[in-house]
N, C-alpha and C. Protein backbone atom coordinates (compact mmCIF):
# COMPACT_ATOMS: atom_id res chain seq x y z
N MET A 1 -38.43 -31.56 119.54
CA MET A 1 -39.31 -32.55 120.12
C MET A 1 -40.47 -31.84 120.81
N SER A 2 -41.62 -32.47 120.82
CA SER A 2 -42.74 -31.89 121.55
C SER A 2 -43.32 -32.95 122.48
N THR A 3 -43.89 -32.45 123.57
CA THR A 3 -44.53 -33.30 124.56
C THR A 3 -45.95 -32.79 124.73
N THR A 4 -46.91 -33.68 124.74
CA THR A 4 -48.29 -33.27 124.96
C THR A 4 -48.74 -33.79 126.31
N ALA A 5 -49.30 -32.88 127.11
CA ALA A 5 -49.83 -33.23 128.42
C ALA A 5 -51.36 -33.23 128.30
N PRO A 6 -52.01 -34.34 128.67
CA PRO A 6 -53.47 -34.39 128.57
C PRO A 6 -54.09 -33.19 129.29
N THR A 7 -55.00 -32.54 128.63
CA THR A 7 -55.74 -31.36 129.09
C THR A 7 -54.89 -30.09 129.21
N LEU A 8 -53.56 -30.19 129.08
CA LEU A 8 -52.72 -29.00 129.25
C LEU A 8 -52.09 -28.51 127.95
N GLY A 9 -52.11 -29.28 126.91
CA GLY A 9 -51.56 -28.81 125.65
C GLY A 9 -50.20 -29.37 125.31
N THR A 10 -49.53 -28.69 124.37
CA THR A 10 -48.26 -29.16 123.82
C THR A 10 -47.12 -28.27 124.29
N PHE A 11 -46.01 -28.92 124.66
CA PHE A 11 -44.81 -28.24 125.13
C PHE A 11 -43.67 -28.54 124.15
N THR A 12 -42.95 -27.49 123.73
CA THR A 12 -41.79 -27.61 122.87
C THR A 12 -40.72 -26.66 123.39
N VAL A 13 -39.52 -26.81 122.89
CA VAL A 13 -38.46 -25.86 123.24
C VAL A 13 -37.77 -25.38 121.98
N ARG A 14 -37.24 -24.16 122.07
CA ARG A 14 -36.44 -23.60 120.99
C ARG A 14 -35.22 -22.95 121.62
N PRO A 15 -34.13 -22.82 120.85
CA PRO A 15 -32.95 -22.16 121.41
C PRO A 15 -33.29 -20.74 121.86
N LEU A 16 -32.72 -20.34 122.96
CA LEU A 16 -32.92 -19.00 123.47
C LEU A 16 -32.06 -18.02 122.67
N ASP A 17 -32.62 -16.88 122.33
CA ASP A 17 -31.87 -15.81 121.66
C ASP A 17 -31.60 -14.75 122.72
N PRO A 18 -30.34 -14.61 123.19
CA PRO A 18 -30.04 -13.74 124.33
C PRO A 18 -30.49 -12.29 124.16
N LEU A 19 -30.47 -11.77 122.94
CA LEU A 19 -30.89 -10.38 122.74
C LEU A 19 -32.40 -10.28 122.53
N ALA A 20 -32.94 -11.08 121.65
CA ALA A 20 -34.37 -11.02 121.36
C ALA A 20 -35.23 -11.44 122.55
N ASP A 21 -34.72 -12.38 123.36
CA ASP A 21 -35.50 -12.89 124.49
C ASP A 21 -35.20 -12.20 125.82
N ALA A 22 -34.25 -11.27 125.83
CA ALA A 22 -33.79 -10.68 127.10
C ALA A 22 -34.90 -9.99 127.88
N GLU A 23 -35.74 -9.24 127.20
CA GLU A 23 -36.80 -8.52 127.92
C GLU A 23 -37.78 -9.50 128.57
N LEU A 24 -38.17 -10.51 127.83
CA LEU A 24 -39.06 -11.55 128.38
C LEU A 24 -38.39 -12.24 129.57
N LEU A 25 -37.16 -12.67 129.38
CA LEU A 25 -36.41 -13.34 130.46
C LEU A 25 -36.28 -12.45 131.68
N HIS A 26 -35.98 -11.19 131.44
CA HIS A 26 -35.83 -10.25 132.56
C HIS A 26 -37.10 -10.21 133.40
N SER A 27 -38.25 -10.19 132.76
CA SER A 27 -39.52 -10.16 133.51
C SER A 27 -39.72 -11.45 134.31
N TRP A 28 -39.19 -12.55 133.81
CA TRP A 28 -39.33 -13.83 134.51
C TRP A 28 -38.36 -13.96 135.68
N VAL A 29 -37.08 -13.69 135.41
CA VAL A 29 -36.04 -13.98 136.43
C VAL A 29 -36.01 -12.97 137.55
N THR A 30 -36.62 -11.80 137.36
CA THR A 30 -36.64 -10.79 138.42
C THR A 30 -37.97 -10.79 139.17
N HIS A 31 -38.89 -11.62 138.77
CA HIS A 31 -40.20 -11.71 139.43
C HIS A 31 -40.01 -12.27 140.85
N PRO A 32 -40.81 -11.80 141.81
CA PRO A 32 -40.68 -12.32 143.19
C PRO A 32 -40.78 -13.84 143.31
N LYS A 33 -41.52 -14.49 142.42
CA LYS A 33 -41.64 -15.96 142.49
C LYS A 33 -40.38 -16.67 141.99
N ALA A 34 -39.42 -15.92 141.44
CA ALA A 34 -38.19 -16.51 140.91
C ALA A 34 -37.00 -16.29 141.86
N THR A 35 -37.27 -16.15 143.14
CA THR A 35 -36.17 -15.88 144.10
C THR A 35 -35.05 -16.88 144.01
N PHE A 36 -35.36 -18.15 143.84
CA PHE A 36 -34.31 -19.17 143.82
C PHE A 36 -33.45 -19.08 142.55
N TRP A 37 -33.87 -18.28 141.57
CA TRP A 37 -33.07 -18.08 140.36
C TRP A 37 -31.93 -17.10 140.65
N MET A 38 -32.02 -16.38 141.77
CA MET A 38 -30.98 -15.47 142.27
C MET A 38 -30.61 -14.36 141.28
N MET A 39 -31.61 -13.83 140.58
CA MET A 39 -31.37 -12.74 139.64
C MET A 39 -32.29 -11.55 139.93
N GLN A 40 -32.82 -11.48 141.14
CA GLN A 40 -33.80 -10.47 141.50
C GLN A 40 -33.35 -9.04 141.21
N ASP A 41 -32.09 -8.74 141.38
CA ASP A 41 -31.59 -7.37 141.20
C ASP A 41 -31.01 -7.13 139.81
N HIS A 42 -31.14 -8.09 138.92
CA HIS A 42 -30.56 -7.94 137.58
C HIS A 42 -31.30 -6.89 136.76
N LYS A 43 -30.53 -6.09 136.05
CA LYS A 43 -31.09 -5.16 135.08
C LYS A 43 -31.16 -5.91 133.74
N LEU A 44 -31.87 -5.34 132.78
CA LEU A 44 -32.02 -5.97 131.48
C LEU A 44 -30.65 -6.32 130.87
N GLN A 45 -29.69 -5.40 130.98
CA GLN A 45 -28.36 -5.63 130.41
C GLN A 45 -27.65 -6.79 131.11
N ASP A 46 -27.91 -6.99 132.40
CA ASP A 46 -27.32 -8.11 133.13
C ASP A 46 -27.85 -9.44 132.58
N VAL A 47 -29.14 -9.48 132.31
CA VAL A 47 -29.75 -10.69 131.76
C VAL A 47 -29.19 -10.96 130.37
N GLU A 48 -29.10 -9.92 129.54
CA GLU A 48 -28.51 -10.09 128.21
C GLU A 48 -27.10 -10.65 128.32
N ARG A 49 -26.29 -10.05 129.19
CA ARG A 49 -24.89 -10.48 129.35
C ARG A 49 -24.82 -11.93 129.82
N ASP A 50 -25.61 -12.29 130.84
CA ASP A 50 -25.58 -13.65 131.37
C ASP A 50 -25.96 -14.68 130.30
N TYR A 51 -26.99 -14.39 129.52
CA TYR A 51 -27.44 -15.36 128.52
C TYR A 51 -26.59 -15.33 127.26
N MET A 52 -25.92 -14.23 126.99
CA MET A 52 -24.93 -14.23 125.89
C MET A 52 -23.75 -15.11 126.28
N ALA A 53 -23.37 -15.07 127.56
CA ALA A 53 -22.28 -15.94 128.03
C ALA A 53 -22.67 -17.41 127.92
N ILE A 54 -23.92 -17.73 128.25
CA ILE A 54 -24.38 -19.12 128.11
C ILE A 54 -24.38 -19.52 126.63
N ALA A 55 -24.87 -18.62 125.76
CA ALA A 55 -24.90 -18.92 124.32
C ALA A 55 -23.50 -19.17 123.77
N ALA A 56 -22.51 -18.50 124.34
CA ALA A 56 -21.12 -18.66 123.87
C ALA A 56 -20.42 -19.84 124.53
N ALA A 57 -21.01 -20.38 125.59
CA ALA A 57 -20.36 -21.45 126.34
C ALA A 57 -20.44 -22.79 125.60
N GLU A 58 -19.38 -23.54 125.70
CA GLU A 58 -19.34 -24.83 125.03
C GLU A 58 -20.18 -25.90 125.74
N HIS A 59 -20.34 -25.75 127.07
CA HIS A 59 -20.97 -26.81 127.86
C HIS A 59 -22.24 -26.36 128.57
N HIS A 60 -22.92 -25.35 128.03
CA HIS A 60 -24.12 -24.81 128.67
C HIS A 60 -25.03 -24.28 127.56
N ASP A 61 -26.31 -24.62 127.60
CA ASP A 61 -27.28 -24.17 126.61
C ASP A 61 -28.53 -23.68 127.32
N ALA A 62 -29.22 -22.72 126.70
CA ALA A 62 -30.48 -22.22 127.25
C ALA A 62 -31.55 -22.27 126.16
N PHE A 63 -32.77 -22.54 126.59
CA PHE A 63 -33.90 -22.69 125.68
C PHE A 63 -35.12 -21.98 126.25
N ILE A 64 -35.95 -21.49 125.37
CA ILE A 64 -37.26 -20.98 125.76
C ILE A 64 -38.23 -22.14 125.54
N GLY A 65 -38.99 -22.45 126.58
CA GLY A 65 -40.01 -23.47 126.47
C GLY A 65 -41.33 -22.84 126.05
N LEU A 66 -41.99 -23.48 125.14
CA LEU A 66 -43.26 -22.98 124.61
C LEU A 66 -44.40 -23.88 125.04
N HIS A 67 -45.49 -23.27 125.40
CA HIS A 67 -46.72 -23.99 125.69
C HIS A 67 -47.72 -23.59 124.62
N ASP A 68 -48.11 -24.54 123.79
CA ASP A 68 -48.99 -24.25 122.66
C ASP A 68 -48.47 -23.07 121.84
N GLY A 69 -47.14 -23.04 121.66
CA GLY A 69 -46.51 -22.04 120.82
C GLY A 69 -46.15 -20.73 121.50
N GLU A 70 -46.55 -20.54 122.76
CA GLU A 70 -46.28 -19.29 123.47
C GLU A 70 -45.20 -19.51 124.53
N PRO A 71 -44.27 -18.56 124.69
CA PRO A 71 -43.22 -18.69 125.71
C PRO A 71 -43.82 -18.90 127.10
N ALA A 72 -43.34 -19.96 127.79
CA ALA A 72 -43.91 -20.30 129.09
C ALA A 72 -42.88 -20.73 130.12
N PHE A 73 -41.67 -21.09 129.69
CA PHE A 73 -40.66 -21.51 130.65
C PHE A 73 -39.27 -21.39 130.06
N LEU A 74 -38.31 -21.39 130.96
CA LEU A 74 -36.90 -21.34 130.61
C LEU A 74 -36.29 -22.69 130.98
N MET A 75 -35.45 -23.21 130.12
CA MET A 75 -34.76 -24.48 130.37
C MET A 75 -33.28 -24.28 130.08
N GLU A 76 -32.46 -24.74 131.01
CA GLU A 76 -31.02 -24.75 130.78
C GLU A 76 -30.51 -26.17 130.90
N ARG A 77 -29.59 -26.50 130.00
CA ARG A 77 -28.93 -27.80 130.00
C ARG A 77 -27.43 -27.54 130.10
N TYR A 78 -26.75 -28.29 130.96
CA TYR A 78 -25.30 -28.07 131.08
C TYR A 78 -24.59 -29.39 131.34
N ASP A 79 -23.30 -29.38 131.05
CA ASP A 79 -22.45 -30.54 131.31
C ASP A 79 -21.82 -30.34 132.68
N PRO A 80 -22.24 -31.13 133.68
CA PRO A 80 -21.76 -30.93 135.05
C PRO A 80 -20.26 -31.21 135.23
N ARG A 81 -19.62 -31.78 134.22
CA ARG A 81 -18.16 -31.96 134.31
C ARG A 81 -17.45 -30.62 134.20
N TYR A 82 -18.12 -29.62 133.58
CA TYR A 82 -17.49 -28.33 133.30
C TYR A 82 -18.22 -27.12 133.89
N VAL A 83 -19.49 -27.29 134.25
CA VAL A 83 -20.33 -26.18 134.69
C VAL A 83 -21.08 -26.58 135.97
N GLU A 84 -21.22 -25.64 136.88
CA GLU A 84 -22.05 -25.76 138.07
C GLU A 84 -21.54 -26.71 139.16
N LEU A 85 -21.12 -27.90 138.79
CA LEU A 85 -20.84 -28.93 139.80
C LEU A 85 -19.41 -29.44 139.78
N VAL A 86 -18.52 -28.71 139.16
CA VAL A 86 -17.13 -29.12 139.06
C VAL A 86 -16.54 -29.29 140.46
N GLY A 87 -16.03 -30.50 140.73
CA GLY A 87 -15.40 -30.80 142.02
C GLY A 87 -16.37 -31.08 143.15
N LEU A 88 -17.69 -31.07 142.88
CA LEU A 88 -18.67 -31.27 143.95
C LEU A 88 -19.27 -32.67 143.97
N TYR A 89 -19.04 -33.43 142.90
CA TYR A 89 -19.47 -34.83 142.85
C TYR A 89 -18.69 -35.49 141.74
N GLU A 90 -18.78 -36.80 141.65
CA GLU A 90 -18.05 -37.55 140.63
C GLU A 90 -18.98 -37.78 139.44
N PRO A 91 -18.81 -36.99 138.36
CA PRO A 91 -19.70 -37.16 137.21
C PRO A 91 -19.48 -38.50 136.50
N ARG A 92 -20.57 -38.99 135.91
CA ARG A 92 -20.52 -40.22 135.11
C ARG A 92 -20.75 -39.87 133.65
N PRO A 93 -20.28 -40.73 132.74
CA PRO A 93 -20.61 -40.50 131.33
C PRO A 93 -22.13 -40.47 131.16
N GLY A 94 -22.62 -39.53 130.40
CA GLY A 94 -24.06 -39.41 130.18
C GLY A 94 -24.79 -38.54 131.17
N ASP A 95 -24.08 -37.93 132.14
CA ASP A 95 -24.72 -37.00 133.07
C ASP A 95 -25.01 -35.68 132.37
N VAL A 96 -26.18 -35.14 132.61
CA VAL A 96 -26.59 -33.85 132.07
C VAL A 96 -27.21 -33.05 133.21
N GLY A 97 -26.76 -31.82 133.38
CA GLY A 97 -27.35 -30.93 134.39
C GLY A 97 -28.51 -30.15 133.80
N MET A 98 -29.44 -29.76 134.67
CA MET A 98 -30.65 -29.08 134.21
C MET A 98 -31.10 -28.04 135.22
N HIS A 99 -31.59 -26.91 134.69
CA HIS A 99 -32.32 -25.90 135.44
C HIS A 99 -33.61 -25.61 134.66
N PHE A 100 -34.68 -25.27 135.37
CA PHE A 100 -35.88 -24.82 134.66
C PHE A 100 -36.59 -23.77 135.51
N LEU A 101 -37.29 -22.88 134.84
CA LEU A 101 -38.05 -21.82 135.49
C LEU A 101 -39.34 -21.63 134.72
N VAL A 102 -40.46 -21.73 135.42
CA VAL A 102 -41.77 -21.51 134.80
C VAL A 102 -42.07 -20.01 134.86
N ALA A 103 -42.55 -19.47 133.76
CA ALA A 103 -42.89 -18.04 133.71
C ALA A 103 -43.95 -17.72 134.76
N PRO A 104 -43.81 -16.57 135.42
CA PRO A 104 -44.83 -16.18 136.40
C PRO A 104 -46.16 -15.91 135.70
N THR A 105 -47.24 -16.18 136.41
CA THR A 105 -48.57 -15.94 135.85
C THR A 105 -49.52 -15.52 136.96
N SER A 106 -50.51 -14.75 136.59
CA SER A 106 -51.54 -14.36 137.56
C SER A 106 -52.69 -15.36 137.55
N THR A 107 -52.66 -16.29 136.61
CA THR A 107 -53.72 -17.31 136.53
C THR A 107 -53.09 -18.71 136.47
N PRO A 108 -52.60 -19.22 137.62
CA PRO A 108 -51.97 -20.54 137.61
C PRO A 108 -52.94 -21.64 137.20
N VAL A 109 -52.39 -22.64 136.52
CA VAL A 109 -53.17 -23.80 136.07
C VAL A 109 -52.67 -25.01 136.83
N HIS A 110 -53.57 -25.73 137.50
CA HIS A 110 -53.19 -26.91 138.28
C HIS A 110 -52.48 -27.92 137.39
N GLY A 111 -51.31 -28.37 137.84
CA GLY A 111 -50.54 -29.39 137.13
C GLY A 111 -49.60 -28.84 136.06
N PHE A 112 -49.63 -27.52 135.84
CA PHE A 112 -48.82 -26.94 134.76
C PHE A 112 -47.33 -27.10 135.00
N THR A 113 -46.85 -26.76 136.20
CA THR A 113 -45.42 -26.83 136.47
C THR A 113 -44.93 -28.27 136.40
N ARG A 114 -45.74 -29.20 136.85
CA ARG A 114 -45.36 -30.62 136.73
C ARG A 114 -45.28 -31.02 135.26
N ALA A 115 -46.20 -30.52 134.44
CA ALA A 115 -46.16 -30.82 133.01
C ALA A 115 -44.90 -30.22 132.38
N VAL A 116 -44.49 -29.04 132.85
CA VAL A 116 -43.28 -28.40 132.33
C VAL A 116 -42.05 -29.24 132.66
N ILE A 117 -41.89 -29.63 133.93
CA ILE A 117 -40.69 -30.41 134.29
C ILE A 117 -40.70 -31.76 133.57
N THR A 118 -41.86 -32.33 133.36
CA THR A 118 -41.96 -33.58 132.60
C THR A 118 -41.50 -33.36 131.16
N ALA A 119 -41.92 -32.25 130.56
CA ALA A 119 -41.50 -31.93 129.19
C ALA A 119 -40.00 -31.67 129.12
N VAL A 120 -39.46 -30.98 130.12
CA VAL A 120 -38.02 -30.71 130.17
C VAL A 120 -37.25 -32.03 130.24
N MET A 121 -37.68 -32.91 131.11
CA MET A 121 -37.00 -34.21 131.25
C MET A 121 -37.12 -35.03 129.97
N ALA A 122 -38.29 -35.03 129.35
CA ALA A 122 -38.48 -35.76 128.09
C ALA A 122 -37.54 -35.21 127.03
N GLU A 123 -37.38 -33.90 127.01
CA GLU A 123 -36.46 -33.26 126.05
C GLU A 123 -35.02 -33.72 126.31
N LEU A 124 -34.61 -33.73 127.56
CA LEU A 124 -33.25 -34.15 127.89
C LEU A 124 -33.01 -35.62 127.54
N PHE A 125 -33.98 -36.46 127.86
CA PHE A 125 -33.82 -37.89 127.58
C PHE A 125 -34.07 -38.23 126.11
N ALA A 126 -34.55 -37.28 125.31
CA ALA A 126 -34.68 -37.53 123.87
C ALA A 126 -33.31 -37.73 123.24
N ASP A 127 -32.28 -37.20 123.89
CA ASP A 127 -30.91 -37.42 123.44
C ASP A 127 -30.47 -38.77 123.98
N PRO A 128 -30.19 -39.75 123.12
CA PRO A 128 -29.81 -41.08 123.60
C PRO A 128 -28.53 -41.08 124.44
N ALA A 129 -27.72 -40.03 124.34
CA ALA A 129 -26.48 -39.94 125.13
C ALA A 129 -26.76 -39.58 126.59
N THR A 130 -27.96 -39.07 126.87
CA THR A 130 -28.30 -38.72 128.25
C THR A 130 -28.67 -39.98 129.02
N VAL A 131 -27.88 -40.26 130.05
CA VAL A 131 -28.11 -41.43 130.89
C VAL A 131 -28.77 -41.02 132.21
N ARG A 132 -28.35 -39.86 132.72
CA ARG A 132 -28.82 -39.43 134.04
C ARG A 132 -28.87 -37.90 134.06
N VAL A 133 -29.94 -37.34 134.65
CA VAL A 133 -30.06 -35.89 134.81
C VAL A 133 -29.69 -35.55 136.25
N VAL A 134 -28.92 -34.48 136.39
CA VAL A 134 -28.40 -34.02 137.67
C VAL A 134 -29.00 -32.64 137.96
N VAL A 135 -29.48 -32.44 139.18
CA VAL A 135 -29.96 -31.12 139.59
C VAL A 135 -29.35 -30.75 140.94
N GLU A 136 -29.32 -29.44 141.20
CA GLU A 136 -28.75 -28.94 142.44
C GLU A 136 -29.55 -27.74 142.94
N PRO A 137 -30.85 -27.97 143.26
CA PRO A 137 -31.67 -26.87 143.74
C PRO A 137 -31.31 -26.48 145.18
N ASP A 138 -31.65 -25.27 145.54
CA ASP A 138 -31.45 -24.78 146.90
C ASP A 138 -32.15 -25.74 147.87
N VAL A 139 -31.49 -26.05 148.99
CA VAL A 139 -32.08 -26.99 149.95
C VAL A 139 -33.42 -26.50 150.49
N SER A 140 -33.65 -25.20 150.50
CA SER A 140 -34.90 -24.68 151.06
C SER A 140 -36.02 -24.57 150.02
N ASN A 141 -35.77 -24.95 148.79
CA ASN A 141 -36.78 -24.88 147.74
C ASN A 141 -37.63 -26.16 147.74
N LYS A 142 -38.48 -26.26 148.75
CA LYS A 142 -39.28 -27.49 148.95
C LYS A 142 -40.21 -27.78 147.77
N ALA A 143 -40.73 -26.74 147.12
CA ALA A 143 -41.65 -26.96 146.00
C ALA A 143 -40.95 -27.69 144.85
N VAL A 144 -39.72 -27.28 144.54
CA VAL A 144 -39.02 -27.94 143.44
C VAL A 144 -38.54 -29.34 143.85
N HIS A 145 -38.27 -29.55 145.14
CA HIS A 145 -37.91 -30.91 145.58
C HIS A 145 -39.08 -31.87 145.31
N ALA A 146 -40.30 -31.41 145.59
CA ALA A 146 -41.48 -32.25 145.35
C ALA A 146 -41.67 -32.52 143.86
N LEU A 147 -41.46 -31.49 143.04
CA LEU A 147 -41.57 -31.68 141.59
C LEU A 147 -40.51 -32.65 141.08
N ASN A 148 -39.28 -32.47 141.57
CA ASN A 148 -38.20 -33.36 141.17
C ASN A 148 -38.54 -34.81 141.52
N GLU A 149 -39.04 -35.01 142.72
CA GLU A 149 -39.40 -36.37 143.15
C GLU A 149 -40.50 -36.94 142.25
N ALA A 150 -41.45 -36.10 141.86
CA ALA A 150 -42.57 -36.55 141.03
C ALA A 150 -42.12 -37.07 139.67
N VAL A 151 -40.97 -36.60 139.18
CA VAL A 151 -40.48 -37.08 137.88
C VAL A 151 -39.33 -38.07 138.02
N GLY A 152 -39.06 -38.52 139.25
CA GLY A 152 -38.11 -39.61 139.44
C GLY A 152 -36.78 -39.27 140.09
N PHE A 153 -36.54 -38.00 140.43
CA PHE A 153 -35.26 -37.66 141.06
C PHE A 153 -35.15 -38.27 142.45
N VAL A 154 -33.94 -38.69 142.77
CA VAL A 154 -33.63 -39.21 144.10
C VAL A 154 -32.52 -38.33 144.68
N PRO A 155 -32.78 -37.69 145.83
CA PRO A 155 -31.74 -36.87 146.45
C PRO A 155 -30.57 -37.74 146.91
N GLU A 156 -29.36 -37.24 146.71
CA GLU A 156 -28.19 -37.97 147.19
C GLU A 156 -27.63 -37.34 148.46
N ARG A 157 -27.37 -36.02 148.41
CA ARG A 157 -26.81 -35.35 149.59
C ARG A 157 -26.82 -33.86 149.39
N GLU A 158 -26.63 -33.15 150.48
CA GLU A 158 -26.50 -31.70 150.41
C GLU A 158 -25.05 -31.37 150.05
N ILE A 159 -24.89 -30.34 149.23
CA ILE A 159 -23.56 -29.86 148.85
C ILE A 159 -23.52 -28.35 149.05
N GLN A 160 -22.34 -27.83 149.28
CA GLN A 160 -22.19 -26.38 149.40
C GLN A 160 -21.62 -25.82 148.12
N LYS A 161 -22.43 -25.02 147.43
CA LYS A 161 -21.97 -24.32 146.24
C LYS A 161 -21.59 -22.90 146.67
N PRO A 162 -20.87 -22.16 145.85
CA PRO A 162 -20.50 -20.79 146.25
C PRO A 162 -21.71 -19.91 146.59
N GLU A 163 -22.82 -20.09 145.86
CA GLU A 163 -23.97 -19.22 146.03
C GLU A 163 -25.09 -19.79 146.90
N LYS A 164 -25.02 -21.08 147.25
CA LYS A 164 -26.13 -21.69 148.00
C LYS A 164 -25.75 -23.05 148.53
N LYS A 165 -26.54 -23.51 149.50
CA LYS A 165 -26.50 -24.91 149.93
C LYS A 165 -27.52 -25.63 149.07
N ALA A 166 -27.09 -26.68 148.39
CA ALA A 166 -27.93 -27.32 147.38
C ALA A 166 -28.17 -28.80 147.70
N LEU A 167 -29.27 -29.31 147.17
CA LEU A 167 -29.61 -30.72 147.32
C LEU A 167 -29.27 -31.41 145.99
N LEU A 168 -28.15 -32.12 145.98
CA LEU A 168 -27.71 -32.84 144.79
C LEU A 168 -28.63 -34.04 144.59
N SER A 169 -29.25 -34.12 143.42
CA SER A 169 -30.21 -35.19 143.14
C SER A 169 -30.00 -35.70 141.72
N PHE A 170 -30.37 -36.97 141.51
CA PHE A 170 -30.16 -37.63 140.23
C PHE A 170 -31.44 -38.32 139.78
N CYS A 171 -31.58 -38.43 138.46
CA CYS A 171 -32.71 -39.15 137.87
C CYS A 171 -32.23 -39.86 136.62
N THR A 172 -32.31 -41.18 136.62
CA THR A 172 -31.96 -41.96 135.44
C THR A 172 -33.16 -42.00 134.49
N ARG A 173 -32.90 -42.40 133.28
CA ARG A 173 -33.98 -42.56 132.29
C ARG A 173 -35.06 -43.52 132.84
N GLU A 174 -34.62 -44.64 133.41
CA GLU A 174 -35.57 -45.62 133.94
C GLU A 174 -36.40 -45.03 135.09
N GLN A 175 -35.75 -44.28 135.98
CA GLN A 175 -36.48 -43.65 137.09
C GLN A 175 -37.52 -42.66 136.56
N PHE A 176 -37.14 -41.88 135.55
CA PHE A 176 -38.08 -40.94 134.94
C PHE A 176 -39.25 -41.66 134.31
N GLU A 177 -38.97 -42.66 133.49
CA GLU A 177 -40.03 -43.38 132.81
C GLU A 177 -40.98 -44.05 133.80
N THR A 178 -40.44 -44.61 134.87
CA THR A 178 -41.27 -45.23 135.90
C THR A 178 -42.13 -44.19 136.59
N ALA A 179 -41.55 -43.06 136.94
CA ALA A 179 -42.27 -42.01 137.67
C ALA A 179 -43.42 -41.42 136.86
N VAL A 180 -43.20 -41.25 135.56
CA VAL A 180 -44.25 -40.61 134.75
C VAL A 180 -45.11 -41.61 133.98
N GLY A 181 -44.82 -42.91 134.17
CA GLY A 181 -45.66 -43.94 133.57
C GLY A 181 -45.45 -44.17 132.09
N VAL A 182 -44.20 -44.07 131.64
CA VAL A 182 -43.89 -44.35 130.24
C VAL A 182 -43.81 -45.86 130.04
N ASP A 183 -44.54 -46.35 129.06
CA ASP A 183 -44.47 -47.77 128.73
C ASP A 183 -43.29 -47.99 127.81
N ARG A 184 -42.58 -49.09 128.05
CA ARG A 184 -41.42 -49.40 127.18
C ARG A 184 -41.77 -50.42 126.15
C-alpha cells in the first residue's frame, strides 16, 4: 500500500531484511535522536540479532518505510496479546501494536514525521482485521505523544514496563479517520 502526503511525496513500506538492512538500521537506532528506541549502545551485530529475532517471531514484524522509494523510517507491528504488553492491559480482538522511528536527518522537513505516522497508521488500518492500534511510548517522550494525538490516539493510563514507564494509548479506525480527515 502507498500513502501520498500533499507536498511531501509518497510513503510505502517493505519487509525489513535483518541482514541487508542492519547497517542502515544501526545508523538510525544508535543516533542521539533515537534515545527512546533504547538501542544507543548496540553494535551492528546486536541490531542484526534483534531484527533476526523479530523476523523469526510469529507475532512481530518489522518494515522499512520508504519515502519516494528511499528508506526513511522503521515500522514495527506486533500482536499485543503475545508481545510487549502481555499482562499489562486487556487486549481486544483486532488490537495491533505499533512502533515507528523516523530516520535521522540533517535537513528536517516540516510535517514529515506527522506524514510518516499517518502513513504507518494507514498501513495498519489497510488490514480489515485491525480494529484498534495500541502504543506504549515512554511517558517522557512528549514529541511522540503530540504526534500520536494528531492521528487520533487517546491516552488511557501509565503502565510500568520492564524497561520504561509508558503511556498506554489507543486509536480506533474511526478516531484515525476523523483525526486525519478521511471521508467515508
